[in-house]
Every structure is written in structure tokens, then in C-alpha cells.
Protein backbone atom coordinates (compact mmCIF):
# COMPACT_ATOMS: atom_id res chain seq x y z
CA UNK A 1 112.75 185.04 -107.77
CA UNK A 2 110.69 185.97 -110.94
CA UNK A 3 113.15 184.48 -113.12
CA UNK A 4 112.62 181.21 -111.38
CA UNK A 5 108.95 181.49 -112.08
CA UNK A 6 109.51 182.18 -115.80
CA UNK A 7 112.02 179.62 -116.25
CA UNK A 8 109.67 176.95 -114.40
CA UNK A 9 106.48 178.28 -116.72
CA UNK A 10 108.54 177.73 -119.74
CA UNK A 11 109.67 174.26 -118.75
CA UNK A 12 105.96 173.09 -118.00
CA UNK A 13 104.96 174.56 -121.51
CA UNK A 14 107.83 173.06 -123.13
CA UNK A 15 106.59 169.66 -121.89
CA UNK A 16 102.77 170.45 -122.26
CA UNK A 17 103.13 171.02 -126.08
CA UNK A 18 103.45 167.62 -127.64
CA UNK A 19 100.58 166.70 -125.71
CA UNK A 20 98.48 169.50 -126.95
CA UNK A 21 99.83 170.15 -130.34
CA UNK A 22 102.77 167.01 -131.36
CA UNK A 23 102.28 163.34 -132.80
CA UNK A 24 100.14 162.11 -130.26
CA UNK A 25 98.21 164.85 -129.45
CA UNK A 26 94.54 165.10 -128.37
CA UNK A 27 93.38 166.77 -131.67
CA UNK A 28 95.09 163.79 -133.45
CA UNK A 29 93.43 161.36 -131.33
CA UNK A 30 90.28 163.01 -132.11
CA UNK A 31 90.67 162.63 -136.25
CA UNK A 32 92.05 159.01 -135.46
CA UNK A 33 88.61 158.29 -133.66
CA UNK A 34 86.47 159.97 -136.41
CA UNK A 35 88.46 157.91 -139.04
CA UNK A 36 88.20 155.00 -137.22
CA UNK A 37 84.17 155.21 -137.01
CA UNK A 38 84.15 155.82 -140.65
CA UNK A 39 85.92 153.10 -141.31
CA UNK A 40 84.12 150.54 -139.22
CA UNK A 41 80.91 152.05 -140.83
CA UNK A 42 82.94 151.02 -144.30
CA UNK A 43 83.24 147.56 -142.91
CA UNK A 44 79.90 146.62 -142.40
CA UNK A 45 78.55 147.80 -145.32
CA UNK A 46 81.20 145.53 -147.38
CA UNK A 47 80.54 142.66 -144.88
CA UNK A 48 76.71 143.17 -145.84
CA UNK A 49 77.90 142.86 -149.39
CA UNK A 50 80.29 139.77 -149.11
CA UNK A 51 77.45 137.86 -147.19
CA UNK A 52 74.74 138.63 -150.04
CA UNK A 53 77.18 137.51 -152.62
CA UNK A 54 78.03 134.71 -150.55
CA UNK A 55 74.49 133.40 -150.33
CA UNK A 56 74.25 134.42 -154.28
CA UNK A 57 77.41 131.87 -154.89
CA UNK A 58 75.64 129.25 -152.58
CA UNK A 59 72.63 129.51 -154.51
CA UNK A 60 74.04 129.31 -158.12
CA UNK A 61 75.84 126.30 -156.80
CA UNK A 62 73.04 124.47 -155.21
CA UNK A 63 70.03 125.15 -156.81
CA UNK A 64 68.92 125.60 -160.52
CA UNK A 65 66.25 128.07 -159.71
CA UNK A 66 68.69 130.58 -159.59
CA UNK A 67 70.63 129.74 -162.63
CA UNK A 68 67.36 129.57 -164.74
CA UNK A 69 66.13 133.11 -163.25
CA UNK A 70 69.51 134.51 -163.98
CA UNK A 71 69.27 133.06 -167.74
CA UNK A 72 65.73 134.44 -168.10
CA UNK A 73 66.29 137.58 -166.86
CA UNK A 74 69.81 138.67 -168.19
CA UNK A 75 70.15 136.42 -171.19
CA UNK A 76 66.34 136.12 -172.45
CA UNK A 77 66.35 132.59 -172.58
CA UNK A 78 63.35 130.66 -172.40
CA UNK A 79 62.51 126.55 -171.77
CA UNK A 80 61.79 124.34 -174.60
CA UNK A 81 58.17 123.63 -174.71
CA UNK A 82 57.29 127.41 -173.43
CA UNK A 83 55.76 129.91 -175.67
CA UNK A 84 57.27 133.40 -175.38
CA UNK A 85 55.05 136.56 -175.89
CA UNK A 86 56.55 140.09 -176.45
CA UNK A 87 54.36 142.67 -175.90
CA UNK A 88 55.00 146.10 -177.37
CA UNK A 89 53.75 149.45 -176.37
CA UNK A 90 52.51 151.99 -178.90
CA UNK A 91 54.55 155.02 -178.83
CA UNK A 92 52.22 158.29 -179.86
């Protein structure tokens, strides 16, 4: 009787082993859930960045103000007829 009990316990343990420690175990499921949450956050961040870039592209295609602002800030350009003043700080 005792050997039958030990055999049944060994059988139950061998059947339960993959569920607890195998490829599809609950530990692996928890790891994949955390990776999924991180990936969703990254996707949201990238989606916001893509939307900002899309808005900038549309603005550059349709409006001259954005092109003018970019030319002034990044390239230092001025319109014809404008006077440019550059103030320099004196360093001690």
C-alpha cells in the first residue's frame, strides 16, 4: 500500500512539474506579463513621439510660419528689410 502511495505521489509531482517550473510555468507567465507592460509603455511613448513628428511634418508642408521659425532659430536667417541686433554680454 505504501509503495502505491509513493508511486501516485511521484506521478502527481511529475505531472505538476511543467506547470510550476517548465516552459509555460506561472513564473514565466509573470515575466512575460512584466515585459508586456514595459513594451506597452514604450509603444505609448513612441506613439506620442510619432504624433508630434506627424504634426510637425503637416505644419511644415502647409504653413510658412513653421518654416520661417525653423530658418530663424536653426539657421540664423532674417527677412529682407529686417534689422538684426546681436547683444553680447561682457564677461569679467
